[in-house]
Amino acid sequence: MAFEKEATLLGSKETFKVNPNAKKYTLRDNGFEETKKGNFQLIRTMDTNLLNKQGVKLKIVISDEVKQLKISITTGNGLRPVNIYNGDAYKEIREKVAFTLSDLVERGVLEKV
């Protein structure tokens, strides 16, 4: 998956972009870790049972110049994308994802488009 100016989760109607005021220290302050290539990534387990290693994960990667991003929800091992917006099976996970994304918007990391 390539970096884009705007990104949407699989099955979601909301689109996000990197806040133009976001800096590298803003990302670090909000839990993003710098990768070997200089990008910043945030990986959060969205499963309500923390002992479940197979739960889904929210993964946000922001480019090293802090202008583009990738956003996805994947299986526990990170290999396959998951659509949490189909049916009621992922209702609690949808709430956690919405809370996490709105928190990142409030903190000036992301912007809703």
PDB file of N, CA and C in Angstrom:
ATOM      1  N   MET A   1       0.849  -1.170   0.000  1.00  0.00           N
ATOM      2  CA  MET A   1       0.000   0.000   0.000  1.00  0.00           C
ATOM      3  C   MET A   1       0.898   1.239   0.000  1.00  0.00           C
ATOM      4  N   ALA A   2       0.671   2.113  -0.936  1.00  0.00           N
ATOM      5  CA  ALA A   2       1.480   3.322  -1.076  1.00  0.00           C
ATOM      6  C   ALA A   2       0.919   4.456  -0.218  1.00  0.00           C
ATOM      7  N   PHE A   3       1.775   5.398   0.082  1.00  0.00           N
ATOM      8  CA  PHE A   3       1.333   6.576   0.835  1.00  0.00           C
ATOM      9  C   PHE A   3       0.406   7.420  -0.029  1.00  0.00           C
ATOM     10  N   GLU A   4      -0.585   8.026   0.611  1.00  0.00           N
ATOM     11  CA  GLU A   4      -1.540   8.881  -0.084  1.00  0.00           C
ATOM     12  C   GLU A   4      -1.768  10.141   0.726  1.00  0.00           C
ATOM     13  N   LYS A   5      -2.249  11.190   0.075  1.00  0.00           N
ATOM     14  CA  LYS A   5      -2.592  12.436   0.783  1.00  0.00           C
ATOM     15  C   LYS A   5      -3.775  12.221   1.711  1.00  0.00           C
ATOM     16  N   GLU A   6      -4.763  11.410   1.252  1.00  0.00           N
ATOM     17  CA  GLU A   6      -5.956  11.101   2.035  1.00  0.00           C
ATOM     18  C   GLU A   6      -6.133   9.600   2.073  1.00  0.00           C
ATOM     19  N   ALA A   7      -6.590   9.074   3.220  1.00  0.00           N
ATOM     20  CA  ALA A   7      -6.753   7.628   3.369  1.00  0.00           C
ATOM     21  C   ALA A   7      -8.062   7.314   4.078  1.00  0.00           C
ATOM     22  N   THR A   8      -8.621   6.154   3.731  1.00  0.00           N
ATOM     23  CA  THR A   8      -9.870   5.685   4.299  1.00  0.00           C
ATOM     24  C   THR A   8      -9.712   4.238   4.716  1.00  0.00           C
ATOM     25  N   LEU A   9     -10.331   3.872   5.825  1.00  0.00           N
ATOM     26  CA  LEU A   9     -10.346   2.479   6.242  1.00  0.00           C
ATOM     27  C   LEU A   9     -11.267   1.690   5.321  1.00  0.00           C
ATOM     28  N   LEU A  10     -10.947   0.422   5.117  1.00  0.00           N
ATOM     29  CA  LEU A  10     -11.747  -0.459   4.288  1.00  0.00           C
ATOM     30  C   LEU A  10     -13.185  -0.508   4.807  1.00  0.00           C
ATOM     31  N   GLY A  11     -14.145  -0.104   3.989  1.00  0.00           N
ATOM     32  CA  GLY A  11     -15.556  -0.131   4.364  1.00  0.00           C
ATOM     33  C   GLY A  11     -16.056   1.125   5.051  1.00  0.00           C
ATOM     34  N   SER A  12     -15.185   2.044   5.380  1.00  0.00           N
ATOM     35  CA  SER A  12     -15.568   3.267   6.092  1.00  0.00           C
ATOM     36  C   SER A  12     -15.919   4.380   5.119  1.00  0.00           C
ATOM     37  N   LYS A  13     -16.725   5.326   5.596  1.00  0.00           N
ATOM     38  CA  LYS A  13     -17.070   6.489   4.787  1.00  0.00           C
ATOM     39  C   LYS A  13     -16.256   7.712   5.188  1.00  0.00           C
ATOM     40  N   GLU A  14     -15.474   7.603   6.261  1.00  0.00           N
ATOM     41  CA  GLU A  14     -14.668   8.717   6.736  1.00  0.00           C
ATOM     42  C   GLU A  14     -13.291   8.696   6.069  1.00  0.00           C
ATOM     43  N   THR A  15     -12.820   9.877   5.703  1.00  0.00           N
ATOM     44  CA  THR A  15     -11.504  10.016   5.090  1.00  0.00           C
ATOM     45  C   THR A  15     -10.658  10.915   5.973  1.00  0.00           C
ATOM     46  N   PHE A  16      -9.388  10.562   6.104  1.00  0.00           N
ATOM     47  CA  PHE A  16      -8.472  11.311   6.960  1.00  0.00           C
ATOM     48  C   PHE A  16      -7.248  11.729   6.164  1.00  0.00           C
ATOM     49  N   LYS A  17      -6.625  12.811   6.625  1.00  0.00           N
ATOM     50  CA  LYS A  17      -5.342  13.239   6.085  1.00  0.00           C
ATOM     51  C   LYS A  17      -4.494  13.721   7.262  1.00  0.00           C
ATOM     52  N   VAL A  18      -3.213  13.889   7.013  1.00  0.00           N
ATOM     53  CA  VAL A  18      -2.312  14.369   8.056  1.00  0.00           C
ATOM     54  C   VAL A  18      -2.584  15.851   8.285  1.00  0.00           C
ATOM     55  N   ASN A  19      -2.689  16.241   9.529  1.00  0.00           N
ATOM     56  CA  ASN A  19      -2.893  17.644   9.878  1.00  0.00           C
ATOM     57  C   ASN A  19      -1.673  18.431   9.395  1.00  0.00           C
ATOM     58  N   PRO A  20      -1.882  19.516   8.653  1.00  0.00           N
ATOM     59  CA  PRO A  20      -0.735  20.283   8.140  1.00  0.00           C
ATOM     60  C   PRO A  20       0.140  20.885   9.244  1.00  0.00           C
ATOM     61  N   ASN A  21      -0.404  21.023  10.448  1.00  0.00           N
ATOM     62  CA  ASN A  21       0.375  21.562  11.565  1.00  0.00           C
ATOM     63  C   ASN A  21       1.148  20.490  12.328  1.00  0.00           C
ATOM     64  N   ALA A  22       0.955  19.226  11.984  1.00  0.00           N
ATOM     65  CA  ALA A  22       1.621  18.129  12.689  1.00  0.00           C
ATOM     66  C   ALA A  22       3.114  18.128  12.388  1.00  0.00           C
ATOM     67  N   LYS A  23       3.884  17.901  13.403  1.00  0.00           N
ATOM     68  CA  LYS A  23       5.344  17.818  13.292  1.00  0.00           C
ATOM     69  C   LYS A  23       5.794  16.439  13.776  1.00  0.00           C
ATOM     70  N   LYS A  24       7.055  16.129  13.581  1.00  0.00           N
ATOM     71  CA  LYS A  24       7.571  14.829  14.011  1.00  0.00           C
ATOM     72  C   LYS A  24       7.432  14.639  15.515  1.00  0.00           C
ATOM     73  N   TYR A  25       7.655  15.687  16.296  1.00  0.00           N
ATOM     74  CA  TYR A  25       7.508  15.558  17.744  1.00  0.00           C
ATOM     75  C   TYR A  25       6.046  15.358  18.140  1.00  0.00           C
ATOM     76  N   THR A  26       5.105  15.888  17.340  1.00  0.00           N
ATOM     77  CA  THR A  26       3.682  15.659  17.596  1.00  0.00           C
ATOM     78  C   THR A  26       3.374  14.174  17.466  1.00  0.00           C
ATOM     79  N   LEU A  27       3.942  13.554  16.449  1.00  0.00           N
ATOM     80  CA  LEU A  27       3.728  12.123  16.241  1.00  0.00           C
ATOM     81  C   LEU A  27       4.328  11.314  17.376  1.00  0.00           C
ATOM     82  N   ARG A  28       5.548  11.639  17.760  1.00  0.00           N
ATOM     83  CA  ARG A  28       6.196  10.912  18.858  1.00  0.00           C
ATOM     84  C   ARG A  28       5.419  11.074  20.162  1.00  0.00           C
ATOM     85  N   ASP A  29       4.913  12.274  20.420  1.00  0.00           N
ATOM     86  CA  ASP A  29       4.152  12.537  21.646  1.00  0.00           C
ATOM     87  C   ASP A  29       2.849  11.751  21.688  1.00  0.00           C
ATOM     88  N   ASN A  30       2.358  11.319  20.536  1.00  0.00           N
ATOM     89  CA  ASN A  30       1.093  10.597  20.471  1.00  0.00           C
ATOM     90  C   ASN A  30       1.269   9.106  20.221  1.00  0.00           C
ATOM     91  N   GLY A  31       2.441   8.578  20.492  1.00  0.00           N
ATOM     92  CA  GLY A  31       2.653   7.139  20.454  1.00  0.00           C
ATOM     93  C   GLY A  31       3.185   6.573  19.160  1.00  0.00           C
ATOM     94  N   PHE A  32       3.468   7.410  18.175  1.00  0.00           N
ATOM     95  CA  PHE A  32       4.036   6.922  16.925  1.00  0.00           C
ATOM     96  C   PHE A  32       5.514   6.606  17.146  1.00  0.00           C
ATOM     97  N   GLU A  33       5.965   5.541  16.501  1.00  0.00           N
ATOM     98  CA  GLU A  33       7.368   5.150  16.585  1.00  0.00           C
ATOM     99  C   GLU A  33       8.008   5.319  15.212  1.00  0.00           C
ATOM    100  N   GLU A  34       9.248   5.756  15.206  1.00  0.00           N
ATOM    101  CA  GLU A  34       9.960   5.956  13.947  1.00  0.00           C
ATOM    102  C   GLU A  34      10.486   4.619  13.448  1.00  0.00           C
ATOM    103  N   THR A  35      10.272   4.358  12.155  1.00  0.00           N
ATOM    104  CA  THR A  35      10.748   3.115  11.548  1.00  0.00           C
ATOM    105  C   THR A  35      12.172   3.317  11.029  1.00  0.00           C
ATOM    106  N   LYS A  36      12.779   2.251  10.544  1.00  0.00           N
ATOM    107  CA  LYS A  36      14.134   2.330  10.003  1.00  0.00           C
ATOM    108  C   LYS A  36      14.209   3.267   8.798  1.00  0.00           C
ATOM    109  N   LYS A  37      13.116   3.365   8.036  1.00  0.00           N
ATOM    110  CA  LYS A  37      13.085   4.224   6.848  1.00  0.00           C
ATOM    111  C   LYS A  37      12.752   5.669   7.184  1.00  0.00           C
ATOM    112  N   GLY A  38      12.488   5.971   8.445  1.00  0.00           N
ATOM    113  CA  GLY A  38      12.193   7.343   8.840  1.00  0.00           C
ATOM    114  C   GLY A  38      10.716   7.669   8.903  1.00  0.00           C
ATOM    115  N   ASN A  39       9.866   6.718   8.522  1.00  0.00           N
ATOM    116  CA  ASN A  39       8.423   6.929   8.624  1.00  0.00           C
ATOM    117  C   ASN A  39       7.991   6.765  10.085  1.00  0.00           C
ATOM    118  N   PHE A  40       6.760   7.138  10.372  1.00  0.00           N
ATOM    119  CA  PHE A  40       6.229   7.015  11.723  1.00  0.00           C
ATOM    120  C   PHE A  40       5.014   6.102  11.695  1.00  0.00           C
ATOM    121  N   GLN A  41       4.995   5.123  12.593  1.00  0.00           N
ATOM    122  CA  GLN A  41       3.865   4.204  12.611  1.00  0.00           C
ATOM    123  C   GLN A  41       3.281   4.047  14.002  1.00  0.00           C
ATOM    124  N   LEU A  42       1.975   3.855  14.015  1.00  0.00           N
ATOM    125  CA  LEU A  42       1.221   3.609  15.238  1.00  0.00           C
ATOM    126  C   LEU A  42       0.444   2.329  15.011  1.00  0.00           C
ATOM    127  N   ILE A  43       0.653   1.341  15.857  1.00  0.00           N
ATOM    128  CA  ILE A  43      -0.076   0.079  15.769  1.00  0.00           C
ATOM    129  C   ILE A  43      -0.765  -0.140  17.106  1.00  0.00           C
ATOM    130  N   ARG A  44      -2.089  -0.268  17.062  1.00  0.00           N
ATOM    131  CA  ARG A  44      -2.884  -0.463  18.269  1.00  0.00           C
ATOM    132  C   ARG A  44      -3.763  -1.694  18.096  1.00  0.00           C
ATOM    133  N   THR A  45      -3.759  -2.574  19.088  1.00  0.00           N
ATOM    134  CA  THR A  45      -4.665  -3.711  19.102  1.00  0.00           C
ATOM    135  C   THR A  45      -6.051  -3.200  19.451  1.00  0.00           C
ATOM    136  N   MET A  46      -7.031  -3.555  18.645  1.00  0.00           N
ATOM    137  CA  MET A  46      -8.393  -3.068  18.845  1.00  0.00           C
ATOM    138  C   MET A  46      -9.298  -4.109  19.483  1.00  0.00           C
ATOM    139  N   ASP A  47      -8.760  -5.276  19.780  1.00  0.00           N
ATOM    140  CA  ASP A  47      -9.570  -6.326  20.387  1.00  0.00           C
ATOM    141  C   ASP A  47      -9.856  -5.974  21.842  1.00  0.00           C
ATOM    142  N   THR A  48     -11.057  -6.263  22.286  1.00  0.00           N
ATOM    143  CA  THR A  48     -11.430  -5.961  23.667  1.00  0.00           C
ATOM    144  C   THR A  48     -10.768  -6.920  24.652  1.00  0.00           C
ATOM    145  N   ASN A  49     -10.390  -8.108  24.196  1.00  0.00           N
ATOM    146  CA  ASN A  49      -9.680  -9.068  25.021  1.00  0.00           C
ATOM    147  C   ASN A  49      -8.187  -8.923  24.746  1.00  0.00           C
ATOM    148  N   LEU A  50      -7.456  -8.309  25.675  1.00  0.00           N
ATOM    149  CA  LEU A  50      -6.040  -8.007  25.447  1.00  0.00           C
ATOM    150  C   LEU A  50      -5.170  -9.250  25.338  1.00  0.00           C
ATOM    151  N   LEU A  51      -5.642 -10.393  25.852  1.00  0.00           N
ATOM    152  CA  LEU A  51      -4.862 -11.621  25.768  1.00  0.00           C
ATOM    153  C   LEU A  51      -5.014 -12.321  24.422  1.00  0.00           C
ATOM    154  N   ASN A  52      -5.955 -11.880  23.617  1.00  0.00           N
ATOM    155  CA  ASN A  52      -6.189 -12.475  22.311  1.00  0.00           C
ATOM    156  C   ASN A  52      -5.147 -11.966  21.317  1.00  0.00           C
ATOM    157  N   LYS A  53      -4.241 -12.835  20.924  1.00  0.00           N
ATOM    158  CA  LYS A  53      -3.176 -12.450  19.977  1.00  0.00           C
ATOM    159  C   LYS A  53      -3.686 -12.396  18.537  1.00  0.00           C
ATOM    160  N   GLN A  54      -4.876 -12.942  18.276  1.00  0.00           N
ATOM    161  CA  GLN A  54      -5.419 -12.990  16.925  1.00  0.00           C
ATOM    162  C   GLN A  54      -6.336 -11.815  16.616  1.00  0.00           C
ATOM    163  N   GLY A  55      -6.479 -10.874  17.525  1.00  0.00           N
ATOM    164  CA  GLY A  55      -7.380  -9.744  17.325  1.00  0.00           C
ATOM    165  C   GLY A  55      -6.936  -8.832  16.198  1.00  0.00           C
ATOM    166  N   VAL A  56      -7.804  -7.889  15.847  1.00  0.00           N
ATOM    167  CA  VAL A  56      -7.473  -6.964  14.766  1.00  0.00           C
ATOM    168  C   VAL A  56      -6.668  -5.783  15.297  1.00  0.00           C
ATOM    169  N   LYS A  57      -5.893  -5.185  14.391  1.00  0.00           N
ATOM    170  CA  LYS A  57      -5.034  -4.058  14.760  1.00  0.00           C
ATOM    171  C   LYS A  57      -5.290  -2.875  13.850  1.00  0.00           C
ATOM    172  N   LEU A  58      -5.259  -1.694  14.431  1.00  0.00           N
ATOM    173  CA  LEU A  58      -5.305  -0.448  13.674  1.00  0.00           C
ATOM    174  C   LEU A  58      -3.857  -0.049  13.415  1.00  0.00           C
ATOM    175  N   LYS A  59      -3.551   0.192  12.143  1.00  0.00           N
ATOM    176  CA  LYS A  59      -2.181   0.554  11.774  1.00  0.00           C
ATOM    177  C   LYS A  59      -2.222   1.853  10.985  1.00  0.00           C
ATOM    178  N   ILE A  60      -1.506   2.857  11.481  1.00  0.00           N
ATOM    179  CA  ILE A  60      -1.399   4.143  10.802  1.00  0.00           C
ATOM    180  C   ILE A  60       0.088   4.401  10.575  1.00  0.00           C
ATOM    181  N   VAL A  61       0.446   4.655   9.325  1.00  0.00           N
ATOM    182  CA  VAL A  61       1.834   4.969   8.985  1.00  0.00           C
ATOM    183  C   VAL A  61       1.835   6.328   8.305  1.00  0.00           C
ATOM    184  N   ILE A  62       2.679   7.224   8.809  1.00  0.00           N
ATOM    185  CA  ILE A  62       2.807   8.566   8.251  1.00  0.00           C
ATOM    186  C   ILE A  62       4.219   8.707   7.681  1.00  0.00           C
ATOM    187  N   SER A  63       4.303   9.290   6.495  1.00  0.00           N
ATOM    188  CA  SER A  63       5.579   9.401   5.794  1.00  0.00           C
ATOM    189  C   SER A  63       6.564  10.267   6.575  1.00  0.00           C
ATOM    190  N   ASP A  64       7.845  10.124   6.246  1.00  0.00           N
ATOM    191  CA  ASP A  64       8.896  10.844   6.968  1.00  0.00           C
ATOM    192  C   ASP A  64       8.800  12.349   6.811  1.00  0.00           C
ATOM    193  N   GLU A  65       8.193  12.839   5.720  1.00  0.00           N
ATOM    194  CA  GLU A  65       8.031  14.286   5.586  1.00  0.00           C
ATOM    195  C   GLU A  65       6.731  14.782   6.216  1.00  0.00           C
ATOM    196  N   VAL A  66       5.981  13.902   6.871  1.00  0.00           N
ATOM    197  CA  VAL A  66       4.755  14.203   7.626  1.00  0.00           C
ATOM    198  C   VAL A  66       3.713  14.885   6.729  1.00  0.00           C
ATOM    199  N   LYS A  67       3.507  14.317   5.540  1.00  0.00           N
ATOM    200  CA  LYS A  67       2.520  14.866   4.615  1.00  0.00           C
ATOM    201  C   LYS A  67       1.542  13.811   4.096  1.00  0.00           C
ATOM    202  N   GLN A  68       1.951  12.557   4.055  1.00  0.00           N
ATOM    203  CA  GLN A  68       1.118  11.486   3.514  1.00  0.00           C
ATOM    204  C   GLN A  68       0.983  10.364   4.532  1.00  0.00           C
ATOM    205  N   LEU A  69      -0.053   9.519   4.326  1.00  0.00           N
ATOM    206  CA  LEU A  69      -0.290   8.457   5.290  1.00  0.00           C
ATOM    207  C   LEU A  69      -0.870   7.222   4.638  1.00  0.00           C
ATOM    208  N   LYS A  70      -0.832   6.138   5.409  1.00  0.00           N
ATOM    209  CA  LYS A  70      -1.506   4.883   5.108  1.00  0.00           C
ATOM    210  C   LYS A  70      -2.259   4.518   6.375  1.00  0.00           C
ATOM    211  N   ILE A  71      -3.465   4.018   6.227  1.00  0.00           N
ATOM    212  CA  ILE A  71      -4.254   3.638   7.388  1.00  0.00           C
ATOM    213  C   ILE A  71      -4.986   2.342   7.049  1.00  0.00           C
ATOM    214  N   SER A  72      -4.961   1.386   7.981  1.00  0.00           N
ATOM    215  CA  SER A  72      -5.616   0.108   7.720  1.00  0.00           C
ATOM    216  C   SER A  72      -5.951  -0.593   9.023  1.00  0.00           C
ATOM    217  N   ILE A  73      -6.868  -1.546   8.904  1.00  0.00           N
ATOM    218  CA  ILE A  73      -7.162  -2.458  10.004  1.00  0.00           C
ATOM    219  C   ILE A  73      -6.835  -3.837   9.468  1.00  0.00           C
ATOM    220  N   THR A  74      -5.979  -4.551  10.194  1.00  0.00           N
ATOM    221  CA  THR A  74      -5.495  -5.839   9.717  1.00  0.00           C
ATOM    222  C   THR A  74      -5.747  -6.929  10.751  1.00  0.00           C
ATOM    223  N   THR A  75      -5.522  -8.156  10.322  1.00  0.00           N
ATOM    224  CA  THR A  75      -5.577  -9.288  11.239  1.00  0.00           C
ATOM    225  C   THR A  75      -4.439  -9.145  12.247  1.00  0.00           C
ATOM    226  N   GLY A  76      -4.440  -9.961  13.266  1.00  0.00           N
ATOM    227  CA  GLY A  76      -3.435  -9.874  14.324  1.00  0.00           C
ATOM    228  C   GLY A  76      -2.006  -9.951  13.825  1.00  0.00           C
ATOM    229  N   ASN A  77      -1.772 -10.746  12.779  1.00  0.00           N
ATOM    230  CA  ASN A  77      -0.414 -10.866  12.250  1.00  0.00           C
ATOM    231  C   ASN A  77      -0.092  -9.775  11.233  1.00  0.00           C
ATOM    232  N   GLY A  78      -1.085  -8.946  10.871  1.00  0.00           N
ATOM    233  CA  GLY A  78      -0.859  -7.816   9.975  1.00  0.00           C
ATOM    234  C   GLY A  78      -0.816  -8.148   8.503  1.00  0.00           C
ATOM    235  N   LEU A  79      -1.192  -9.373   8.133  1.00  0.00           N
ATOM    236  CA  LEU A  79      -1.060  -9.779   6.737  1.00  0.00           C
ATOM    237  C   LEU A  79      -2.298  -9.505   5.882  1.00  0.00           C
ATOM    238  N   ARG A  80      -3.486  -9.505   6.485  1.00  0.00           N
ATOM    239  CA  ARG A  80      -4.693  -9.319   5.678  1.00  0.00           C
ATOM    240  C   ARG A  80      -5.530  -8.168   6.220  1.00  0.00           C
ATOM    241  N   PRO A  81      -6.092  -7.347   5.320  1.00  0.00           N
ATOM    242  CA  PRO A  81      -6.981  -6.270   5.771  1.00  0.00           C
ATOM    243  C   PRO A  81      -8.317  -6.839   6.252  1.00  0.00           C
ATOM    244  N   VAL A  82      -8.943  -6.142   7.191  1.00  0.00           N
ATOM    245  CA  VAL A  82     -10.218  -6.567   7.760  1.00  0.00           C
ATOM    246  C   VAL A  82     -11.209  -5.422   7.612  1.00  0.00           C
ATOM    247  N   ASN A  83     -12.418  -5.736   7.146  1.00  0.00           N
ATOM    248  CA  ASN A  83     -13.483  -4.747   7.054  1.00  0.00           C
ATOM    249  C   ASN A  83     -14.335  -4.873   8.325  1.00  0.00           C
ATOM    250  N   ILE A  84     -14.169  -3.926   9.243  1.00  0.00           N
ATOM    251  CA  ILE A  84     -14.912  -3.980  10.507  1.00  0.00           C
ATOM    252  C   ILE A  84     -16.282  -3.338  10.391  1.00  0.00           C
ATOM    253  N   TYR A  85     -16.621  -2.832   9.223  1.00  0.00           N
ATOM    254  CA  TYR A  85     -17.886  -2.127   9.037  1.00  0.00           C
ATOM    255  C   TYR A  85     -18.983  -3.018   8.461  1.00  0.00           C
ATOM    256  N   ASN A  86     -18.725  -4.321   8.344  1.00  0.00           N
ATOM    257  CA  ASN A  86     -19.742  -5.270   7.891  1.00  0.00           C
ATOM    258  C   ASN A  86     -20.354  -5.964   9.100  1.00  0.00           C
ATOM    259  N   GLY A  87     -21.653  -5.841   9.279  1.00  0.00           N
ATOM    260  CA  GLY A  87     -22.353  -6.565  10.332  1.00  0.00           C
ATOM    261  C   GLY A  87     -22.069  -6.049  11.730  1.00  0.00           C
ATOM    262  N   ASP A  88     -22.563  -6.790  12.709  1.00  0.00           N
ATOM    263  CA  ASP A  88     -22.436  -6.395  14.113  1.00  0.00           C
ATOM    264  C   ASP A  88     -21.298  -7.100  14.841  1.00  0.00           C
ATOM    265  N   ALA A  89     -20.586  -7.979  14.163  1.00  0.00           N
ATOM    266  CA  ALA A  89     -19.530  -8.747  14.820  1.00  0.00           C
ATOM    267  C   ALA A  89     -18.412  -7.861  15.368  1.00  0.00           C
ATOM    268  N   TYR A  90     -18.176  -6.725  14.726  1.00  0.00           N
ATOM    269  CA  TYR A  90     -17.080  -5.843  15.123  1.00  0.00           C
ATOM    270  C   TYR A  90     -17.575  -4.551  15.756  1.00  0.00           C
ATOM    271  N   LYS A  91     -18.743  -4.569  16.362  1.00  0.00           N
ATOM    272  CA  LYS A  91     -19.334  -3.333  16.896  1.00  0.00           C
ATOM    273  C   LYS A  91     -18.419  -2.655  17.923  1.00  0.00           C
ATOM    274  N   GLU A  92     -17.917  -3.404  18.887  1.00  0.00           N
ATOM    275  CA  GLU A  92     -17.039  -2.830  19.920  1.00  0.00           C
ATOM    276  C   GLU A  92     -15.729  -2.338  19.312  1.00  0.00           C
ATOM    277  N   ILE A  93     -15.232  -3.059  18.336  1.00  0.00           N
ATOM    278  CA  ILE A  93     -13.977  -2.659  17.688  1.00  0.00           C
ATOM    279  C   ILE A  93     -14.185  -1.373  16.908  1.00  0.00           C
ATOM    280  N   ARG A  94     -15.340  -1.232  16.238  1.00  0.00           N
ATOM    281  CA  ARG A  94     -15.647   0.017  15.528  1.00  0.00           C
ATOM    282  C   ARG A  94     -15.642   1.199  16.480  1.00  0.00           C
ATOM    283  N   GLU A  95     -16.193   1.002  17.681  1.00  0.00           N
ATOM    284  CA  GLU A  95     -16.212   2.078  18.678  1.00  0.00           C
ATOM    285  C   GLU A  95     -14.800   2.441  19.115  1.00  0.00           C
ATOM    286  N   LYS A  96     -13.954   1.433  19.329  1.00  0.00           N
ATOM    287  CA  LYS A  96     -12.572   1.713  19.727  1.00  0.00           C
ATOM    288  C   LYS A  96     -11.792   2.424  18.632  1.00  0.00           C
ATOM    289  N   VAL A  97     -12.019   2.016  17.384  1.00  0.00           N
ATOM    290  CA  VAL A  97     -11.346   2.656  16.259  1.00  0.00           C
ATOM    291  C   VAL A  97     -11.800   4.106  16.139  1.00  0.00           C
ATOM    292  N   ALA A  98     -13.115   4.331  16.250  1.00  0.00           N
ATOM    293  CA  ALA A  98     -13.647   5.696  16.163  1.00  0.00           C
ATOM    294  C   ALA A  98     -13.078   6.563  17.277  1.00  0.00           C
ATOM    295  N   PHE A  99     -12.976   6.018  18.488  1.00  0.00           N
ATOM    296  CA  PHE A  99     -12.419   6.772  19.612  1.00  0.00           C
ATOM    297  C   PHE A  99     -10.948   7.112  19.350  1.00  0.00           C
ATOM    298  N   THR A 100     -10.177   6.143  18.894  1.00  0.00           N
ATOM    299  CA  THR A 100      -8.752   6.359  18.634  1.00  0.00           C
ATOM    300  C   THR A 100      -8.545   7.409  17.549  1.00  0.00           C
ATOM    301  N   LEU A 101      -9.305   7.313  16.461  1.00  0.00           N
ATOM    302  CA  LEU A 101      -9.157   8.270  15.370  1.00  0.00           C
ATOM    303  C   LEU A 101      -9.600   9.668  15.787  1.00  0.00           C
ATOM    304  N   SER A 102     -10.702   9.772  16.539  1.00  0.00           N
ATOM    305  CA  SER A 102     -11.148  11.099  16.982  1.00  0.00           C
ATOM    306  C   SER A 102     -10.147  11.705  17.966  1.00  0.00           C
ATOM    307  N   ASP A 103      -9.503  10.862  18.760  1.00  0.00           N
ATOM    308  CA  ASP A 103      -8.469  11.343  19.682  1.00  0.00           C
ATOM    309  C   ASP A 103      -7.277  11.906  18.893  1.00  0.00           C
ATOM    310  N   LEU A 104      -6.890  11.230  17.821  1.00  0.00           N
ATOM    311  CA  LEU A 104      -5.783  11.722  16.995  1.00  0.00           C
ATOM    312  C   LEU A 104      -6.158  13.008  16.271  1.00  0.00           C
ATOM    313  N   VAL A 105      -7.441  13.174  15.937  1.00  0.00           N
ATOM    314  CA  VAL A 105      -7.905  14.422  15.329  1.00  0.00           C
ATOM    315  C   VAL A 105      -7.832  15.549  16.361  1.00  0.00           C
ATOM    316  N   GLU A 106      -8.293  15.269  17.583  1.00  0.00           N
ATOM    317  CA  GLU A 106      -8.257  16.287  18.649  1.00  0.00           C
ATOM    318  C   GLU A 106      -6.839  16.716  18.982  1.00  0.00           C
ATOM    319  N   ARG A 107      -5.901  15.791  18.912  1.00  0.00           N
ATOM    320  CA  ARG A 107      -4.520  16.072  19.272  1.00  0.00           C
ATOM    321  C   ARG A 107      -3.712  16.698  18.132  1.00  0.00           C
ATOM    322  N   GLY A 108      -4.343  16.902  16.986  1.00  0.00           N
ATOM    323  CA  GLY A 108      -3.681  17.598  15.888  1.00  0.00           C
ATOM    324  C   GLY A 108      -2.797  16.723  15.016  1.00  0.00           C
ATOM    325  N   VAL A 109      -2.986  15.408  15.064  1.00  0.00           N
ATOM    326  CA  VAL A 109      -2.209  14.511  14.219  1.00  0.00           C
ATOM    327  C   VAL A 109      -2.911  14.309  12.866  1.00  0.00           C
ATOM    328  N   LEU A 110      -4.213  14.056  12.925  1.00  0.00           N
ATOM    329  CA  LEU A 110      -5.002  13.815  11.720  1.00  0.00           C
ATOM    330  C   LEU A 110      -6.070  14.887  11.563  1.00  0.00           C
ATOM    331  N   GLU A 111      -6.639  14.942  10.363  1.00  0.00           N
ATOM    332  CA  GLU A 111      -7.764  15.822  10.061  1.00  0.00           C
ATOM    333  C   GLU A 111      -8.792  15.010   9.285  1.00  0.00           C
ATOM    334  N   LYS A 112     -10.074  15.227   9.591  1.00  0.00           N
ATOM    335  CA  LYS A 112     -11.120  14.627   8.782  1.00  0.00           C
ATOM    336  C   LYS A 112     -11.272  15.446   7.517  1.00  0.00           C
ATOM    337  N   VAL A 113     -11.504  14.758   6.414  1.00  0.00           N
ATOM    338  CA  VAL A 113     -11.676  15.436   5.130  1.00  0.00           C
ATOM    339  C   VAL A 113     -13.152  15.545   4.825  1.00  0.00           C
TER     340      VAL A 113
END
